[in-house]
Amino acid sequence: MSLQRNLIEQIAFFNCLSDSEKSYLAERSEIKVKGRYNYVYLADEPSNHLNILLKGTIKIGTHSSDGKEIIKSIIHPQAIFGEMCIMGQTKRADFAKSMSNGIEYFSVSKDVFMELMKSNSLLSQNFMTDIGCRLTRAETRLESLIFKDARSRIIDFLKDSLEKRGRQVGFEMMFKHSLTQQDIANLTGTSRQTVTSVLNELKKENLIYFTRKSILVRDMAKLA
């Protein structure tokens, strides 16, 4: 079994494919590797491949007119990115950049993926469900930016991170990450100084404990 076919078997998104469809996909896809802080793609580059992250962490973002980085989402293994090519996008609107020491990702051309969608309705359904979930998260984040103060937005970030990637440590919850405090600020629409201040306040209140690579929440019910 080829490397691509073996990895396809491990990607939950492709569980709906038949053996012949998986073989077809394996023959027409690539496994790519990028080092830390390397771009997978930049804004305005051709948008012609859909990708699924296999290892590491990626941030999707853009730059404001004054050059400030704006992070739209953080991508973890098994998540799709670059999917807007399937929706008719011809040039990338955002950048995708590695955040961890090294990333691996599965890449397939939009033509091959769309051909599979035509013949497999479950794949199309999986794709549209994924897009719908992303839109819901984007709406929730926009509402948070509009209606909530900085402390609440940072706490929402902590809760969302725990929900997606947290693990139980005794009676507490912890998640590991590759984010700097500036990254968290860019995600929550705050400043680095505000992130530092809020995290230190929560630590002083004995609600969290954090290091450079992890955050431990002592009591989710009291985190507000």
C-alpha atoms as a PDB file:
ATOM      1  CA  MET A   1       0.000   0.000   0.000  1.00  0.00           C
ATOM      2  CA  SER A   2       1.389   3.420  -0.981  1.00  0.00           C
ATOM      3  CA  LEU A   3       2.082   6.132   1.587  1.00  0.00           C
ATOM      4  CA  GLN A   4      -0.774   8.230   0.200  1.00  0.00           C
ATOM      5  CA  ARG A   5      -3.239   5.330   0.348  1.00  0.00           C
ATOM      6  CA  ASN A   6      -2.181   4.465   3.893  1.00  0.00           C
ATOM      7  CA  LEU A   7      -2.699   8.070   5.024  1.00  0.00           C
ATOM      8  CA  ILE A   8      -6.047   8.315   3.243  1.00  0.00           C
ATOM      9  CA  GLU A   9      -7.203   5.346   5.323  1.00  0.00           C
ATOM     10  CA  GLN A  10      -6.369   7.395   8.456  1.00  0.00           C
ATOM     11  CA  ILE A  11      -8.227  10.565   7.405  1.00  0.00           C
ATOM     12  CA  ALA A  12     -11.766  10.441   8.775  1.00  0.00           C
ATOM     13  CA  PHE A  13     -13.029  12.811   6.080  1.00  0.00           C
ATOM     14  CA  PHE A  14     -12.409  10.106   3.452  1.00  0.00           C
ATOM     15  CA  ASN A  15     -14.116   7.237   5.272  1.00  0.00           C
ATOM     16  CA  CYS A  16     -17.046   7.588   2.886  1.00  0.00           C
ATOM     17  CA  LEU A  17     -14.923   6.687  -0.156  1.00  0.00           C
ATOM     18  CA  SER A  18     -14.897   3.227  -1.690  1.00  0.00           C
ATOM     19  CA  ASP A  19     -11.649   1.284  -2.102  1.00  0.00           C
ATOM     20  CA  SER A  20     -11.456   2.207  -5.779  1.00  0.00           C
ATOM     21  CA  GLU A  21     -12.078   5.890  -5.006  1.00  0.00           C
ATOM     22  CA  LYS A  22      -9.356   5.848  -2.335  1.00  0.00           C
ATOM     23  CA  SER A  23      -6.935   4.315  -4.845  1.00  0.00           C
ATOM     24  CA  TYR A  24      -7.914   6.938  -7.426  1.00  0.00           C
ATOM     25  CA  LEU A  25      -7.288   9.690  -4.875  1.00  0.00           C
ATOM     26  CA  ALA A  26      -3.971   8.193  -3.750  1.00  0.00           C
ATOM     27  CA  GLU A  27      -2.646   8.166  -7.310  1.00  0.00           C
ATOM     28  CA  ARG A  28      -3.519  11.823  -7.826  1.00  0.00           C
ATOM     29  CA  SER A  29      -2.535  13.406  -4.497  1.00  0.00           C
ATOM     30  CA  GLU A  30       0.644  14.451  -2.698  1.00  0.00           C
ATOM     31  CA  ILE A  31       1.968  14.462   0.845  1.00  0.00           C
ATOM     32  CA  LYS A  32       3.841  17.711   1.474  1.00  0.00           C
ATOM     33  CA  VAL A  33       6.100  18.904   4.294  1.00  0.00           C
ATOM     34  CA  LYS A  34       6.899  22.421   5.511  1.00  0.00           C
ATOM     35  CA  GLY A  35       9.232  23.655   8.242  1.00  0.00           C
ATOM     36  CA  ARG A  36       8.315  26.006  11.061  1.00  0.00           C
ATOM     37  CA  TYR A  37       7.136  29.502  10.082  1.00  0.00           C
ATOM     38  CA  ASN A  38       7.026  28.539   6.399  1.00  0.00           C
ATOM     39  CA  TYR A  39       4.094  29.557   4.240  1.00  0.00           C
ATOM     40  CA  VAL A  40       1.973  26.856   2.647  1.00  0.00           C
ATOM     41  CA  TYR A  41       0.483  29.537   0.434  1.00  0.00           C
ATOM     42  CA  LEU A  42       0.197  33.316   0.302  1.00  0.00           C
ATOM     43  CA  ALA A  43      -2.654  35.658  -0.557  1.00  0.00           C
ATOM     44  CA  ASP A  44      -3.120  36.158  -4.319  1.00  0.00           C
ATOM     45  CA  GLU A  45      -1.482  32.837  -5.201  1.00  0.00           C
ATOM     46  CA  PRO A  46      -3.530  30.508  -7.438  1.00  0.00           C
ATOM     47  CA  SER A  47      -6.235  28.707  -5.467  1.00  0.00           C
ATOM     48  CA  ASN A  48      -6.231  25.252  -7.011  1.00  0.00           C
ATOM     49  CA  HIS A  49      -5.587  22.709  -4.247  1.00  0.00           C
ATOM     50  CA  LEU A  50      -7.539  21.517  -1.224  1.00  0.00           C
ATOM     51  CA  ASN A  51      -5.445  20.368   1.735  1.00  0.00           C
ATOM     52  CA  ILE A  52      -5.883  18.321   4.898  1.00  0.00           C
ATOM     53  CA  LEU A  53      -3.413  18.805   7.750  1.00  0.00           C
ATOM     54  CA  LEU A  54      -1.809  15.580   8.950  1.00  0.00           C
ATOM     55  CA  LYS A  55       0.746  16.805  11.488  1.00  0.00           C
ATOM     56  CA  GLY A  56       1.469  20.109  13.246  1.00  0.00           C
ATOM     57  CA  THR A  57      -0.424  23.403  13.424  1.00  0.00           C
ATOM     58  CA  ILE A  58      -1.220  26.035  10.796  1.00  0.00           C
ATOM     59  CA  LYS A  59      -2.646  29.521  11.071  1.00  0.00           C
ATOM     60  CA  ILE A  60      -4.902  31.021   8.419  1.00  0.00           C
ATOM     61  CA  GLY A  61      -4.859  34.784   8.235  1.00  0.00           C
ATOM     62  CA  THR A  62      -4.505  37.998   6.347  1.00  0.00           C
ATOM     63  CA  HIS A  63      -2.807  41.385   6.743  1.00  0.00           C
ATOM     64  CA  SER A  64      -4.486  44.724   7.292  1.00  0.00           C
ATOM     65  CA  SER A  65      -3.611  47.792   5.218  1.00  0.00           C
ATOM     66  CA  ASP A  66      -1.069  48.816   7.862  1.00  0.00           C
ATOM     67  CA  GLY A  67       0.604  45.389   7.793  1.00  0.00           C
ATOM     68  CA  LYS A  68      -0.919  44.012  10.988  1.00  0.00           C
ATOM     69  CA  GLU A  69      -1.455  40.257  10.980  1.00  0.00           C
ATOM     70  CA  ILE A  70      -5.033  39.109  11.514  1.00  0.00           C
ATOM     71  CA  ILE A  71      -5.487  35.424  12.377  1.00  0.00           C
ATOM     72  CA  LYS A  72      -8.794  34.003  11.152  1.00  0.00           C
ATOM     73  CA  SER A  73      -8.398  30.434  12.355  1.00  0.00           C
ATOM     74  CA  ILE A  74      -5.975  27.850  13.706  1.00  0.00           C
ATOM     75  CA  ILE A  75      -5.860  24.525  11.861  1.00  0.00           C
ATOM     76  CA  HIS A  76      -5.085  21.246  13.630  1.00  0.00           C
ATOM     77  CA  PRO A  77      -4.603  17.700  12.264  1.00  0.00           C
ATOM     78  CA  GLN A  78      -7.483  16.176  10.283  1.00  0.00           C
ATOM     79  CA  ALA A  79      -8.841  19.641   9.397  1.00  0.00           C
ATOM     80  CA  ILE A  80      -9.313  20.903   5.839  1.00  0.00           C
ATOM     81  CA  PHE A  81      -7.746  24.150   4.662  1.00  0.00           C
ATOM     82  CA  GLY A  82      -7.585  25.875   1.290  1.00  0.00           C
ATOM     83  CA  GLU A  83     -11.115  24.614   0.665  1.00  0.00           C
ATOM     84  CA  MET A  84     -12.381  27.800  -0.993  1.00  0.00           C
ATOM     85  CA  CYS A  85     -10.958  26.615  -4.311  1.00  0.00           C
ATOM     86  CA  ILE A  86     -13.909  24.187  -4.411  1.00  0.00           C
ATOM     87  CA  MET A  87     -16.289  27.129  -3.941  1.00  0.00           C
ATOM     88  CA  GLY A  88     -15.008  28.937  -7.037  1.00  0.00           C
ATOM     89  CA  GLN A  89     -12.094  30.917  -5.590  1.00  0.00           C
ATOM     90  CA  THR A  90      -9.318  31.364  -8.182  1.00  0.00           C
ATOM     91  CA  LYS A  91      -6.802  33.274  -6.024  1.00  0.00           C
ATOM     92  CA  ARG A  92      -6.099  32.819  -2.326  1.00  0.00           C
ATOM     93  CA  ALA A  93      -7.651  35.520  -0.144  1.00  0.00           C
ATOM     94  CA  ASP A  94      -5.616  34.497   2.926  1.00  0.00           C
ATOM     95  CA  PHE A  95      -2.253  33.013   3.825  1.00  0.00           C
ATOM     96  CA  ALA A  96      -1.594  29.649   5.463  1.00  0.00           C
ATOM     97  CA  LYS A  97       1.531  29.449   7.615  1.00  0.00           C
ATOM     98  CA  SER A  98       3.150  26.692   9.680  1.00  0.00           C
ATOM     99  CA  MET A  99       3.281  27.348  13.410  1.00  0.00           C
ATOM    100  CA  SER A 100       4.818  24.125  14.753  1.00  0.00           C
ATOM    101  CA  ASN A 101       8.301  22.707  14.240  1.00  0.00           C
ATOM    102  CA  GLY A 102       7.193  20.918  11.106  1.00  0.00           C
ATOM    103  CA  ILE A 103       3.934  20.173   9.350  1.00  0.00           C
ATOM    104  CA  GLU A 104       2.735  17.484   6.979  1.00  0.00           C
ATOM    105  CA  TYR A 105      -0.343  17.864   4.860  1.00  0.00           C
ATOM    106  CA  PHE A 106      -2.276  15.996   2.221  1.00  0.00           C
ATOM    107  CA  SER A 107      -2.852  17.985  -0.980  1.00  0.00           C
ATOM    108  CA  VAL A 108      -5.212  17.242  -3.867  1.00  0.00           C
ATOM    109  CA  SER A 109      -6.133  19.366  -6.873  1.00  0.00           C
ATOM    110  CA  LYS A 110      -9.608  20.868  -6.952  1.00  0.00           C
ATOM    111  CA  ASP A 111     -10.342  19.072 -10.240  1.00  0.00           C
ATOM    112  CA  VAL A 112      -9.663  15.630  -8.726  1.00  0.00           C
ATOM    113  CA  PHE A 113     -11.630  16.439  -5.571  1.00  0.00           C
ATOM    114  CA  MET A 114     -14.590  17.800  -7.521  1.00  0.00           C
ATOM    115  CA  GLU A 115     -14.595  14.702  -9.723  1.00  0.00           C
ATOM    116  CA  LEU A 116     -14.918  12.559  -6.588  1.00  0.00           C
ATOM    117  CA  MET A 117     -17.691  14.804  -5.254  1.00  0.00           C
ATOM    118  CA  LYS A 118     -19.672  14.275  -8.450  1.00  0.00           C
ATOM    119  CA  SER A 119     -19.611  10.504  -8.029  1.00  0.00           C
ATOM    120  CA  ASN A 120     -19.892  10.331  -4.229  1.00  0.00           C
ATOM    121  CA  SER A 121     -22.751  12.252  -2.598  1.00  0.00           C
ATOM    122  CA  LEU A 122     -21.500  11.459   0.913  1.00  0.00           C
ATOM    123  CA  LEU A 123     -18.207  13.224   0.176  1.00  0.00           C
ATOM    124  CA  SER A 124     -20.158  16.268  -1.024  1.00  0.00           C
ATOM    125  CA  GLN A 125     -22.241  16.135   2.152  1.00  0.00           C
ATOM    126  CA  ASN A 126     -19.122  15.900   4.332  1.00  0.00           C
ATOM    127  CA  PHE A 127     -17.640  18.894   2.556  1.00  0.00           C
ATOM    128  CA  MET A 128     -20.759  21.052   2.887  1.00  0.00           C
ATOM    129  CA  THR A 129     -21.123  20.088   6.559  1.00  0.00           C
ATOM    130  CA  ASP A 130     -17.530  21.190   7.169  1.00  0.00           C
ATOM    131  CA  ILE A 131     -18.188  24.527   5.420  1.00  0.00           C
ATOM    132  CA  GLY A 132     -21.348  25.019   7.479  1.00  0.00           C
ATOM    133  CA  CYS A 133     -19.490  24.413  10.745  1.00  0.00           C
ATOM    134  CA  ARG A 134     -16.816  26.921   9.742  1.00  0.00           C
ATOM    135  CA  LEU A 135     -19.444  29.562   8.969  1.00  0.00           C
ATOM    136  CA  THR A 136     -21.093  28.975  12.352  1.00  0.00           C
ATOM    137  CA  ARG A 137     -17.741  29.388  14.146  1.00  0.00           C
ATOM    138  CA  ALA A 138     -17.025  32.555  12.145  1.00  0.00           C
ATOM    139  CA  GLU A 139     -20.421  34.022  13.105  1.00  0.00           C
ATOM    140  CA  THR A 140     -19.851  33.168  16.779  1.00  0.00           C
ATOM    141  CA  ARG A 141     -16.444  34.813  16.696  1.00  0.00           C
ATOM    142  CA  LEU A 142     -17.851  37.929  14.997  1.00  0.00           C
ATOM    143  CA  GLU A 143     -20.568  38.221  17.655  1.00  0.00           C
ATOM    144  CA  SER A 144     -17.901  37.892  20.344  1.00  0.00           C
ATOM    145  CA  LEU A 145     -15.855  40.706  18.781  1.00  0.00           C
ATOM    146  CA  ILE A 146     -18.901  42.964  18.598  1.00  0.00           C
ATOM    147  CA  PHE A 147     -20.648  42.302  21.906  1.00  0.00           C
ATOM    148  CA  LYS A 148     -18.010  41.127  24.387  1.00  0.00           C
ATOM    149  CA  ASP A 149     -15.155  42.874  26.175  1.00  0.00           C
ATOM    150  CA  ALA A 150     -11.501  41.827  25.881  1.00  0.00           C
ATOM    151  CA  ARG A 151     -11.492  39.620  28.996  1.00  0.00           C
ATOM    152  CA  SER A 152     -14.601  37.743  27.828  1.00  0.00           C
ATOM    153  CA  ARG A 153     -13.134  37.183  24.348  1.00  0.00           C
ATOM    154  CA  ILE A 154      -9.929  35.758  25.799  1.00  0.00           C
ATOM    155  CA  ILE A 155     -11.925  33.484  28.120  1.00  0.00           C
ATOM    156  CA  ASP A 156     -14.019  32.369  25.120  1.00  0.00           C
ATOM    157  CA  PHE A 157     -10.777  31.475  23.368  1.00  0.00           C
ATOM    158  CA  LEU A 158      -9.713  29.367  26.355  1.00  0.00           C
ATOM    159  CA  LYS A 159     -13.073  27.580  26.532  1.00  0.00           C
ATOM    160  CA  ASP A 160     -13.148  26.919  22.782  1.00  0.00           C
ATOM    161  CA  SER A 161      -9.578  25.563  22.838  1.00  0.00           C
ATOM    162  CA  LEU A 162     -10.410  23.253  25.739  1.00  0.00           C
ATOM    163  CA  GLU A 163     -13.558  22.017  24.013  1.00  0.00           C
ATOM    164  CA  LYS A 164     -11.653  21.167  20.832  1.00  0.00           C
ATOM    165  CA  ARG A 165      -8.309  19.927  22.145  1.00  0.00           C
ATOM    166  CA  GLY A 166      -8.396  19.830  25.923  1.00  0.00           C
ATOM    167  CA  ARG A 167      -7.623  16.741  27.985  1.00  0.00           C
ATOM    168  CA  GLN A 168      -8.489  15.866  31.550  1.00  0.00           C
ATOM    169  CA  VAL A 169      -5.717  16.197  34.133  1.00  0.00           C
ATOM    170  CA  GLY A 170      -7.215  15.044  37.409  1.00  0.00           C
ATOM    171  CA  PHE A 171     -10.091  17.445  38.057  1.00  0.00           C
ATOM    172  CA  GLU A 172      -8.582  20.055  35.756  1.00  0.00           C
ATOM    173  CA  MET A 173      -8.396  20.557  31.978  1.00  0.00           C
ATOM    174  CA  MET A 174      -5.296  21.342  29.937  1.00  0.00           C
ATOM    175  CA  PHE A 175      -4.513  22.051  26.302  1.00  0.00           C
ATOM    176  CA  LYS A 176      -1.177  22.381  24.580  1.00  0.00           C
ATOM    177  CA  HIS A 177      -0.617  24.954  21.849  1.00  0.00           C
ATOM    178  CA  SER A 178       1.926  26.628  19.579  1.00  0.00           C
ATOM    179  CA  LEU A 179       0.570  30.154  20.013  1.00  0.00           C
ATOM    180  CA  THR A 180       2.412  33.222  21.198  1.00  0.00           C
ATOM    181  CA  GLN A 181       0.528  35.775  23.263  1.00  0.00           C
ATOM    182  CA  GLN A 182       0.559  37.977  20.150  1.00  0.00           C
ATOM    183  CA  ASP A 183      -1.151  35.153  18.229  1.00  0.00           C
ATOM    184  CA  ILE A 184      -3.850  34.956  20.918  1.00  0.00           C
ATOM    185  CA  ALA A 185      -4.253  38.737  20.672  1.00  0.00           C
ATOM    186  CA  ASN A 186      -4.638  38.514  16.896  1.00  0.00           C
ATOM    187  CA  LEU A 187      -7.253  35.775  17.300  1.00  0.00           C
ATOM    188  CA  THR A 188      -9.277  37.626  19.927  1.00  0.00           C
ATOM    189  CA  GLY A 189      -9.066  41.167  18.547  1.00  0.00           C
ATOM    190  CA  THR A 190      -7.080  42.427  21.521  1.00  0.00           C
ATOM    191  CA  SER A 191      -3.490  43.509  22.164  1.00  0.00           C
ATOM    192  CA  ARG A 192      -0.589  41.421  23.426  1.00  0.00           C
ATOM    193  CA  GLN A 193      -0.487  43.536  26.567  1.00  0.00           C
ATOM    194  CA  THR A 194      -4.175  42.835  27.202  1.00  0.00           C
ATOM    195  CA  VAL A 195      -3.673  39.083  26.746  1.00  0.00           C
ATOM    196  CA  THR A 196      -0.768  39.133  29.196  1.00  0.00           C
ATOM    197  CA  SER A 197      -2.792  41.135  31.701  1.00  0.00           C
ATOM    198  CA  VAL A 198      -5.908  38.907  31.494  1.00  0.00           C
ATOM    199  CA  LEU A 199      -3.931  35.653  31.711  1.00  0.00           C
ATOM    200  CA  ASN A 200      -2.044  36.962  34.737  1.00  0.00           C
ATOM    201  CA  GLU A 201      -5.334  38.048  36.361  1.00  0.00           C
ATOM    202  CA  LEU A 202      -6.840  34.587  35.823  1.00  0.00           C
ATOM    203  CA  LYS A 203      -3.688  33.003  37.222  1.00  0.00           C
ATOM    204  CA  LYS A 204      -3.786  35.287  40.271  1.00  0.00           C
ATOM    205  CA  GLU A 205      -7.438  34.280  40.793  1.00  0.00           C
ATOM    206  CA  ASN A 206      -6.244  30.643  40.720  1.00  0.00           C
ATOM    207  CA  LEU A 207      -8.473  29.880  37.727  1.00  0.00           C
ATOM    208  CA  ILE A 208      -5.666  28.947  35.348  1.00  0.00           C
ATOM    209  CA  TYR A 209      -1.988  28.099  35.262  1.00  0.00           C
ATOM    210  CA  PHE A 210      -0.013  28.609  32.067  1.00  0.00           C
ATOM    211  CA  THR A 211       3.388  28.085  30.530  1.00  0.00           C
ATOM    212  CA  ARG A 212       4.662  29.059  27.096  1.00  0.00           C
ATOM    213  CA  LYS A 213       3.238  25.897  25.510  1.00  0.00           C
ATOM    214  CA  SER A 214       0.214  24.950  27.625  1.00  0.00           C
ATOM    215  CA  ILE A 215      -2.697  26.350  29.616  1.00  0.00           C
ATOM    216  CA  LEU A 216      -4.303  24.519  32.542  1.00  0.00           C
ATOM    217  CA  VAL A 217      -7.834  25.508  33.599  1.00  0.00           C
ATOM    218  CA  ARG A 218      -8.508  24.590  37.216  1.00  0.00           C
ATOM    219  CA  ASP A 219     -12.304  24.896  37.154  1.00  0.00           C
ATOM    220  CA  MET A 220     -14.268  25.387  33.931  1.00  0.00           C
ATOM    221  CA  ALA A 221     -17.437  26.352  35.828  1.00  0.00           C
ATOM    222  CA  LYS A 222     -15.686  29.296  37.504  1.00  0.00           C
ATOM    223  CA  LEU A 223     -13.993  30.523  34.333  1.00  0.00           C
ATOM    224  CA  ALA A 224     -16.154  33.538  33.443  1.00  0.00           C
END
